Amino acid sequence: MNFNNFSDEYPDLREDDETKNELHQRTDVISDELWEIVEDRKEHNIEERKRVMESKTVEFTQEFLTTCAKQLM
């Protein structure tokens, strides 16, 4: 349930301590899930960058472009 909808439907509960605790708990859970996603993507991207750097693709492409530019001149 959306917080704004909840607040509209139950305005009195918004000040209730148990409700506040529940909403804070949900926020903590979502925050933890988002950080997990961020960490997973970070690890994946670090591995991808490492593969690209080790494959020397950038260097080969740069060398190829340099050779093409020399031939055009």
PDB file of N, CA and C in Angstrom:
ATOM      1  N   MET A   1       0.842  -1.185   0.000  1.00  0.00           N
ATOM      2  CA  MET A   1       0.000   0.000   0.000  1.00  0.00           C
ATOM      3  C   MET A   1       0.884   1.244   0.000  1.00  0.00           C
ATOM      4  N   ASN A   2       0.513   2.173  -0.713  1.00  0.00           N
ATOM      5  CA  ASN A   2       1.211   3.445  -0.866  1.00  0.00           C
ATOM      6  C   ASN A   2       1.030   4.289   0.399  1.00  0.00           C
ATOM      7  N   PHE A   3       2.118   4.938   0.842  1.00  0.00           N
ATOM      8  CA  PHE A   3       2.051   5.740   2.067  1.00  0.00           C
ATOM      9  C   PHE A   3       1.020   6.854   1.960  1.00  0.00           C
ATOM     10  N   ASN A   4       0.960   7.527   0.825  1.00  0.00           N
ATOM     11  CA  ASN A   4       0.004   8.626   0.667  1.00  0.00           C
ATOM     12  C   ASN A   4      -1.430   8.129   0.727  1.00  0.00           C
ATOM     13  N   ASN A   5      -1.707   6.992   0.093  1.00  0.00           N
ATOM     14  CA  ASN A   5      -3.055   6.419   0.168  1.00  0.00           C
ATOM     15  C   ASN A   5      -3.399   6.048   1.603  1.00  0.00           C
ATOM     16  N   PHE A   6      -2.433   5.457   2.265  1.00  0.00           N
ATOM     17  CA  PHE A   6      -2.644   5.071   3.663  1.00  0.00           C
ATOM     18  C   PHE A   6      -2.960   6.298   4.516  1.00  0.00           C
ATOM     19  N   SER A   7      -2.210   7.357   4.333  1.00  0.00           N
ATOM     20  CA  SER A   7      -2.419   8.589   5.105  1.00  0.00           C
ATOM     21  C   SER A   7      -3.789   9.196   4.818  1.00  0.00           C
ATOM     22  N   ASP A   8      -4.211   9.097   3.569  1.00  0.00           N
ATOM     23  CA  ASP A   8      -5.534   9.631   3.209  1.00  0.00           C
ATOM     24  C   ASP A   8      -6.654   8.799   3.815  1.00  0.00           C
ATOM     25  N   GLU A   9      -6.489   7.501   3.792  1.00  0.00           N
ATOM     26  CA  GLU A   9      -7.537   6.613   4.297  1.00  0.00           C
ATOM     27  C   GLU A   9      -7.585   6.556   5.825  1.00  0.00           C
ATOM     28  N   TYR A  10      -6.423   6.636   6.459  1.00  0.00           N
ATOM     29  CA  TYR A  10      -6.353   6.504   7.921  1.00  0.00           C
ATOM     30  C   TYR A  10      -5.530   7.635   8.531  1.00  0.00           C
ATOM     31  N   PRO A  11      -6.008   8.844   8.459  1.00  0.00           N
ATOM     32  CA  PRO A  11      -5.201   9.972   8.956  1.00  0.00           C
ATOM     33  C   PRO A  11      -4.877   9.890  10.451  1.00  0.00           C
ATOM     34  N   ASP A  12      -5.774   9.269  11.231  1.00  0.00           N
ATOM     35  CA  ASP A  12      -5.535   9.162  12.677  1.00  0.00           C
ATOM     36  C   ASP A  12      -4.382   8.218  13.003  1.00  0.00           C
ATOM     37  N   LEU A  13      -4.199   7.203  12.164  1.00  0.00           N
ATOM     38  CA  LEU A  13      -3.143   6.222  12.433  1.00  0.00           C
ATOM     39  C   LEU A  13      -1.751   6.758  12.128  1.00  0.00           C
ATOM     40  N   ARG A  14      -1.690   7.844  11.420  1.00  0.00           N
ATOM     41  CA  ARG A  14      -0.396   8.386  11.030  1.00  0.00           C
ATOM     42  C   ARG A  14       0.451   8.771  12.238  1.00  0.00           C
ATOM     43  N   GLU A  15      -0.174   9.174  13.291  1.00  0.00           N
ATOM     44  CA  GLU A  15       0.535   9.567  14.514  1.00  0.00           C
ATOM     45  C   GLU A  15       0.712   8.404  15.501  1.00  0.00           C
ATOM     46  N   ASP A  16       0.156   7.258  15.182  1.00  0.00           N
ATOM     47  CA  ASP A  16       0.247   6.093  16.062  1.00  0.00           C
ATOM     48  C   ASP A  16       1.680   5.544  16.040  1.00  0.00           C
ATOM     49  N   ASP A  17       2.218   5.274  17.238  1.00  0.00           N
ATOM     50  CA  ASP A  17       3.599   4.793  17.340  1.00  0.00           C
ATOM     51  C   ASP A  17       3.812   3.447  16.643  1.00  0.00           C
ATOM     52  N   GLU A  18       2.858   2.550  16.779  1.00  0.00           N
ATOM     53  CA  GLU A  18       2.991   1.240  16.130  1.00  0.00           C
ATOM     54  C   GLU A  18       2.987   1.389  14.608  1.00  0.00           C
ATOM     55  N   THR A  19       2.158   2.273  14.127  1.00  0.00           N
ATOM     56  CA  THR A  19       2.120   2.521  12.687  1.00  0.00           C
ATOM     57  C   THR A  19       3.441   3.113  12.224  1.00  0.00           C
ATOM     58  N   LYS A  20       3.961   4.045  12.972  1.00  0.00           N
ATOM     59  CA  LYS A  20       5.253   4.640  12.631  1.00  0.00           C
ATOM     60  C   LYS A  20       6.343   3.571  12.601  1.00  0.00           C
ATOM     61  N   ASN A  21       6.332   2.709  13.601  1.00  0.00           N
ATOM     62  CA  ASN A  21       7.331   1.639  13.653  1.00  0.00           C
ATOM     63  C   ASN A  21       7.223   0.717  12.439  1.00  0.00           C
ATOM     64  N   GLU A  22       5.987   0.379  12.065  1.00  0.00           N
ATOM     65  CA  GLU A  22       5.764  -0.481  10.907  1.00  0.00           C
ATOM     66  C   GLU A  22       6.276   0.190   9.626  1.00  0.00           C
ATOM     67  N   LEU A  23       5.983   1.454   9.458  1.00  0.00           N
ATOM     68  CA  LEU A  23       6.430   2.176   8.272  1.00  0.00           C
ATOM     69  C   LEU A  23       7.956   2.306   8.242  1.00  0.00           C
ATOM     70  N   HIS A  24       8.554   2.515   9.396  1.00  0.00           N
ATOM     71  CA  HIS A  24      10.020   2.578   9.465  1.00  0.00           C
ATOM     72  C   HIS A  24      10.624   1.211   9.132  1.00  0.00           C
ATOM     73  N   GLN A  25       9.988   0.166   9.623  1.00  0.00           N
ATOM     74  CA  GLN A  25      10.468  -1.189   9.326  1.00  0.00           C
ATOM     75  C   GLN A  25      10.403  -1.461   7.826  1.00  0.00           C
ATOM     76  N   ARG A  26       9.309  -1.084   7.203  1.00  0.00           N
ATOM     77  CA  ARG A  26       9.171  -1.289   5.757  1.00  0.00           C
ATOM     78  C   ARG A  26      10.234  -0.496   5.000  1.00  0.00           C
ATOM     79  N   THR A  27      10.485   0.714   5.470  1.00  0.00           N
ATOM     80  CA  THR A  27      11.508   1.543   4.846  1.00  0.00           C
ATOM     81  C   THR A  27      12.878   0.883   4.971  1.00  0.00           C
ATOM     82  N   ASP A  28      13.167   0.328   6.129  1.00  0.00           N
ATOM     83  CA  ASP A  28      14.448  -0.356   6.333  1.00  0.00           C
ATOM     84  C   ASP A  28      14.579  -1.567   5.406  1.00  0.00           C
ATOM     85  N   VAL A  29      13.510  -2.320   5.262  1.00  0.00           N
ATOM     86  CA  VAL A  29      13.538  -3.503   4.399  1.00  0.00           C
ATOM     87  C   VAL A  29      13.789  -3.093   2.950  1.00  0.00           C
ATOM     88  N   ILE A  30      13.070  -2.081   2.491  1.00  0.00           N
ATOM     89  CA  ILE A  30      13.258  -1.607   1.115  1.00  0.00           C
ATOM     90  C   ILE A  30      14.670  -1.068   0.919  1.00  0.00           C
ATOM     91  N   SER A  31      15.170  -0.351   1.902  1.00  0.00           N
ATOM     92  CA  SER A  31      16.524   0.183   1.820  1.00  0.00           C
ATOM     93  C   SER A  31      17.546  -0.949   1.702  1.00  0.00           C
ATOM     94  N   ASP A  32      17.383  -1.978   2.517  1.00  0.00           N
ATOM     95  CA  ASP A  32      18.291  -3.132   2.461  1.00  0.00           C
ATOM     96  C   ASP A  32      18.231  -3.817   1.095  1.00  0.00           C
ATOM     97  N   GLU A  33      17.021  -3.973   0.562  1.00  0.00           N
ATOM     98  CA  GLU A  33      16.867  -4.608  -0.743  1.00  0.00           C
ATOM     99  C   GLU A  33      17.544  -3.776  -1.837  1.00  0.00           C
ATOM    100  N   LEU A  34      17.371  -2.465  -1.767  1.00  0.00           N
ATOM    101  CA  LEU A  34      18.004  -1.597  -2.759  1.00  0.00           C
ATOM    102  C   LEU A  34      19.519  -1.647  -2.663  1.00  0.00           C
ATOM    103  N   TRP A  35      20.063  -1.680  -1.448  1.00  0.00           N
ATOM    104  CA  TRP A  35      21.512  -1.758  -1.299  1.00  0.00           C
ATOM    105  C   TRP A  35      22.040  -3.083  -1.827  1.00  0.00           C
ATOM    106  N   GLU A  36      21.276  -4.158  -1.658  1.00  0.00           N
ATOM    107  CA  GLU A  36      21.684  -5.451  -2.216  1.00  0.00           C
ATOM    108  C   GLU A  36      21.775  -5.377  -3.737  1.00  0.00           C
ATOM    109  N   ILE A  37      20.769  -4.747  -4.348  1.00  0.00           N
ATOM    110  CA  ILE A  37      20.757  -4.597  -5.797  1.00  0.00           C
ATOM    111  C   ILE A  37      21.959  -3.770  -6.243  1.00  0.00           C
ATOM    112  N   VAL A  38      22.218  -2.682  -5.540  1.00  0.00           N
ATOM    113  CA  VAL A  38      23.352  -1.811  -5.877  1.00  0.00           C
ATOM    114  C   VAL A  38      24.659  -2.586  -5.778  1.00  0.00           C
ATOM    115  N   GLU A  39      24.835  -3.328  -4.714  1.00  0.00           N
ATOM    116  CA  GLU A  39      26.075  -4.091  -4.534  1.00  0.00           C
ATOM    117  C   GLU A  39      26.227  -5.165  -5.599  1.00  0.00           C
ATOM    118  N   ASP A  40      25.129  -5.858  -5.933  1.00  0.00           N
ATOM    119  CA  ASP A  40      25.193  -6.884  -6.983  1.00  0.00           C
ATOM    120  C   ASP A  40      25.590  -6.268  -8.320  1.00  0.00           C
ATOM    121  N   ARG A  41      24.970  -5.148  -8.648  1.00  0.00           N
ATOM    122  CA  ARG A  41      25.285  -4.490  -9.921  1.00  0.00           C
ATOM    123  C   ARG A  41      26.716  -3.955  -9.918  1.00  0.00           C
ATOM    124  N   LYS A  42      27.145  -3.467  -8.783  1.00  0.00           N
ATOM    125  CA  LYS A  42      28.520  -2.959  -8.692  1.00  0.00           C
ATOM    126  C   LYS A  42      29.508  -4.093  -8.941  1.00  0.00           C
ATOM    127  N   GLU A  43      29.284  -5.233  -8.296  1.00  0.00           N
ATOM    128  CA  GLU A  43      30.168  -6.380  -8.486  1.00  0.00           C
ATOM    129  C   GLU A  43      30.159  -6.841  -9.944  1.00  0.00           C
ATOM    130  N   HIS A  44      28.980  -6.886 -10.525  1.00  0.00           N
ATOM    131  CA  HIS A  44      28.862  -7.295 -11.929  1.00  0.00           C
ATOM    132  C   HIS A  44      29.629  -6.328 -12.830  1.00  0.00           C
ATOM    133  N   ASN A  45      29.473  -5.053 -12.606  1.00  0.00           N
ATOM    134  CA  ASN A  45      30.148  -4.056 -13.435  1.00  0.00           C
ATOM    135  C   ASN A  45      31.665  -4.063 -13.245  1.00  0.00           C
ATOM    136  N   ILE A  46      32.114  -4.322 -12.040  1.00  0.00           N
ATOM    137  CA  ILE A  46      33.555  -4.436 -11.801  1.00  0.00           C
ATOM    138  C   ILE A  46      34.113  -5.624 -12.579  1.00  0.00           C
ATOM    139  N   GLU A  47      33.396  -6.741 -12.558  1.00  0.00           N
ATOM    140  CA  GLU A  47      33.841  -7.922 -13.308  1.00  0.00           C
ATOM    141  C   GLU A  47      33.825  -7.656 -14.806  1.00  0.00           C
ATOM    142  N   GLU A  48      32.800  -6.982 -15.283  1.00  0.00           N
ATOM    143  CA  GLU A  48      32.706  -6.660 -16.707  1.00  0.00           C
ATOM    144  C   GLU A  48      33.862  -5.755 -17.134  1.00  0.00           C
ATOM    145  N   ARG A  49      34.152  -4.743 -16.339  1.00  0.00           N
ATOM    146  CA  ARG A  49      35.263  -3.838 -16.634  1.00  0.00           C
ATOM    147  C   ARG A  49      36.587  -4.606 -16.646  1.00  0.00           C
ATOM    148  N   LYS A  50      36.735  -5.499 -15.691  1.00  0.00           N
ATOM    149  CA  LYS A  50      37.956  -6.300 -15.618  1.00  0.00           C
ATOM    150  C   LYS A  50      38.114  -7.162 -16.876  1.00  0.00           C
ATOM    151  N   ARG A  51      37.007  -7.772 -17.345  1.00  0.00           N
ATOM    152  CA  ARG A  51      37.056  -8.582 -18.568  1.00  0.00           C
ATOM    153  C   ARG A  51      37.433  -7.732 -19.780  1.00  0.00           C
ATOM    154  N   VAL A  52      36.865  -6.541 -19.869  1.00  0.00           N
ATOM    155  CA  VAL A  52      37.168  -5.659 -20.998  1.00  0.00           C
ATOM    156  C   VAL A  52      38.631  -5.244 -20.967  1.00  0.00           C
ATOM    157  N   MET A  53      39.118  -4.891 -19.789  1.00  0.00           N
ATOM    158  CA  MET A  53      40.516  -4.460 -19.677  1.00  0.00           C
ATOM    159  C   MET A  53      41.470  -5.606 -19.998  1.00  0.00           C
ATOM    160  N   GLU A  54      41.144  -6.806 -19.572  1.00  0.00           N
ATOM    161  CA  GLU A  54      42.011  -7.954 -19.817  1.00  0.00           C
ATOM    162  C   GLU A  54      41.960  -8.416 -21.274  1.00  0.00           C
ATOM    163  N   SER A  55      40.864  -8.147 -21.951  1.00  0.00           N
ATOM    164  CA  SER A  55      40.732  -8.610 -23.332  1.00  0.00           C
ATOM    165  C   SER A  55      41.516  -7.735 -24.303  1.00  0.00           C
ATOM    166  N   LYS A  56      41.974  -6.588 -23.839  1.00  0.00           N
ATOM    167  CA  LYS A  56      42.756  -5.649 -24.658  1.00  0.00           C
ATOM    168  C   LYS A  56      41.958  -5.121 -25.855  1.00  0.00           C
ATOM    169  N   THR A  57      40.646  -5.215 -25.801  1.00  0.00           N
ATOM    170  CA  THR A  57      39.801  -4.742 -26.892  1.00  0.00           C
ATOM    171  C   THR A  57      40.002  -3.263 -27.151  1.00  0.00           C
ATOM    172  N   VAL A  58      40.114  -2.495 -26.109  1.00  0.00           N
ATOM    173  CA  VAL A  58      40.289  -1.049 -26.259  1.00  0.00           C
ATOM    174  C   VAL A  58      41.594  -0.750 -26.978  1.00  0.00           C
ATOM    175  N   GLU A  59      42.663  -1.411 -26.582  1.00  0.00           N
ATOM    176  CA  GLU A  59      43.958  -1.180 -27.207  1.00  0.00           C
ATOM    177  C   GLU A  59      43.945  -1.587 -28.683  1.00  0.00           C
ATOM    178  N   PHE A  60      43.331  -2.741 -28.980  1.00  0.00           N
ATOM    179  CA  PHE A  60      43.278  -3.190 -30.366  1.00  0.00           C
ATOM    180  C   PHE A  60      42.457  -2.236 -31.223  1.00  0.00           C
ATOM    181  N   THR A  61      41.355  -1.778 -30.696  1.00  0.00           N
ATOM    182  CA  THR A  61      40.505  -0.840 -31.434  1.00  0.00           C
ATOM    183  C   THR A  61      41.243   0.470 -31.663  1.00  0.00           C
ATOM    184  N   GLN A  62      41.921   0.945 -30.642  1.00  0.00           N
ATOM    185  CA  GLN A  62      42.686   2.190 -30.769  1.00  0.00           C
ATOM    186  C   GLN A  62      43.792   2.031 -31.818  1.00  0.00           C
ATOM    187  N   GLU A  63      44.467   0.916 -31.791  1.00  0.00           N
ATOM    188  CA  GLU A  63      45.538   0.662 -32.767  1.00  0.00           C
ATOM    189  C   GLU A  63      44.965   0.587 -34.183  1.00  0.00           C
ATOM    190  N   PHE A  64      43.838  -0.072 -34.333  1.00  0.00           N
ATOM    191  CA  PHE A  64      43.190  -0.182 -35.633  1.00  0.00           C
ATOM    192  C   PHE A  64      42.794   1.196 -36.164  1.00  0.00           C
ATOM    193  N   LEU A  65      42.192   2.018 -35.305  1.00  0.00           N
ATOM    194  CA  LEU A  65      41.791   3.364 -35.725  1.00  0.00           C
ATOM    195  C   LEU A  65      42.999   4.234 -36.085  1.00  0.00           C
ATOM    196  N   THR A  66      44.065   4.084 -35.345  1.00  0.00           N
ATOM    197  CA  THR A  66      45.286   4.830 -35.639  1.00  0.00           C
ATOM    198  C   THR A  66      45.843   4.412 -37.001  1.00  0.00           C
ATOM    199  N   THR A  67      45.852   3.124 -37.270  1.00  0.00           N
ATOM    200  CA  THR A  67      46.324   2.611 -38.556  1.00  0.00           C
ATOM    201  C   THR A  67      45.446   3.146 -39.691  1.00  0.00           C
ATOM    202  N   CYS A  68      44.148   3.134 -39.494  1.00  0.00           N
ATOM    203  CA  CYS A  68      43.228   3.650 -40.531  1.00  0.00           C
ATOM    204  C   CYS A  68      43.476   5.143 -40.768  1.00  0.00           C
ATOM    205  N   ALA A  69      43.685   5.903 -39.702  1.00  0.00           N
ATOM    206  CA  ALA A  69      43.932   7.333 -39.838  1.00  0.00           C
ATOM    207  C   ALA A  69      45.242   7.578 -40.587  1.00  0.00           C
ATOM    208  N   LYS A  70      46.279   6.786 -40.292  1.00  0.00           N
ATOM    209  CA  LYS A  70      47.576   6.931 -40.991  1.00  0.00           C
ATOM    210  C   LYS A  70      47.409   6.635 -42.476  1.00  0.00           C
ATOM    211  N   GLN A  71      46.646   5.618 -42.799  1.00  0.00           N
ATOM    212  CA  GLN A  71      46.435   5.264 -44.200  1.00  0.00           C
ATOM    213  C   GLN A  71      45.668   6.354 -44.941  1.00  0.00           C
ATOM    214  N   LEU A  72      44.743   6.998 -44.275  1.00  0.00           N
ATOM    215  CA  LEU A  72      43.981   8.065 -44.912  1.00  0.00           C
ATOM    216  C   LEU A  72      44.852   9.287 -45.195  1.00  0.00           C
ATOM    217  N   MET A  73      45.848   9.514 -44.349  1.00  0.00           N
ATOM    218  CA  MET A  73      46.734  10.670 -44.536  1.00  0.00           C
ATOM    219  C   MET A  73      47.677  10.364 -45.651  1.00  0.00           C
TER     220      MET A  73
END
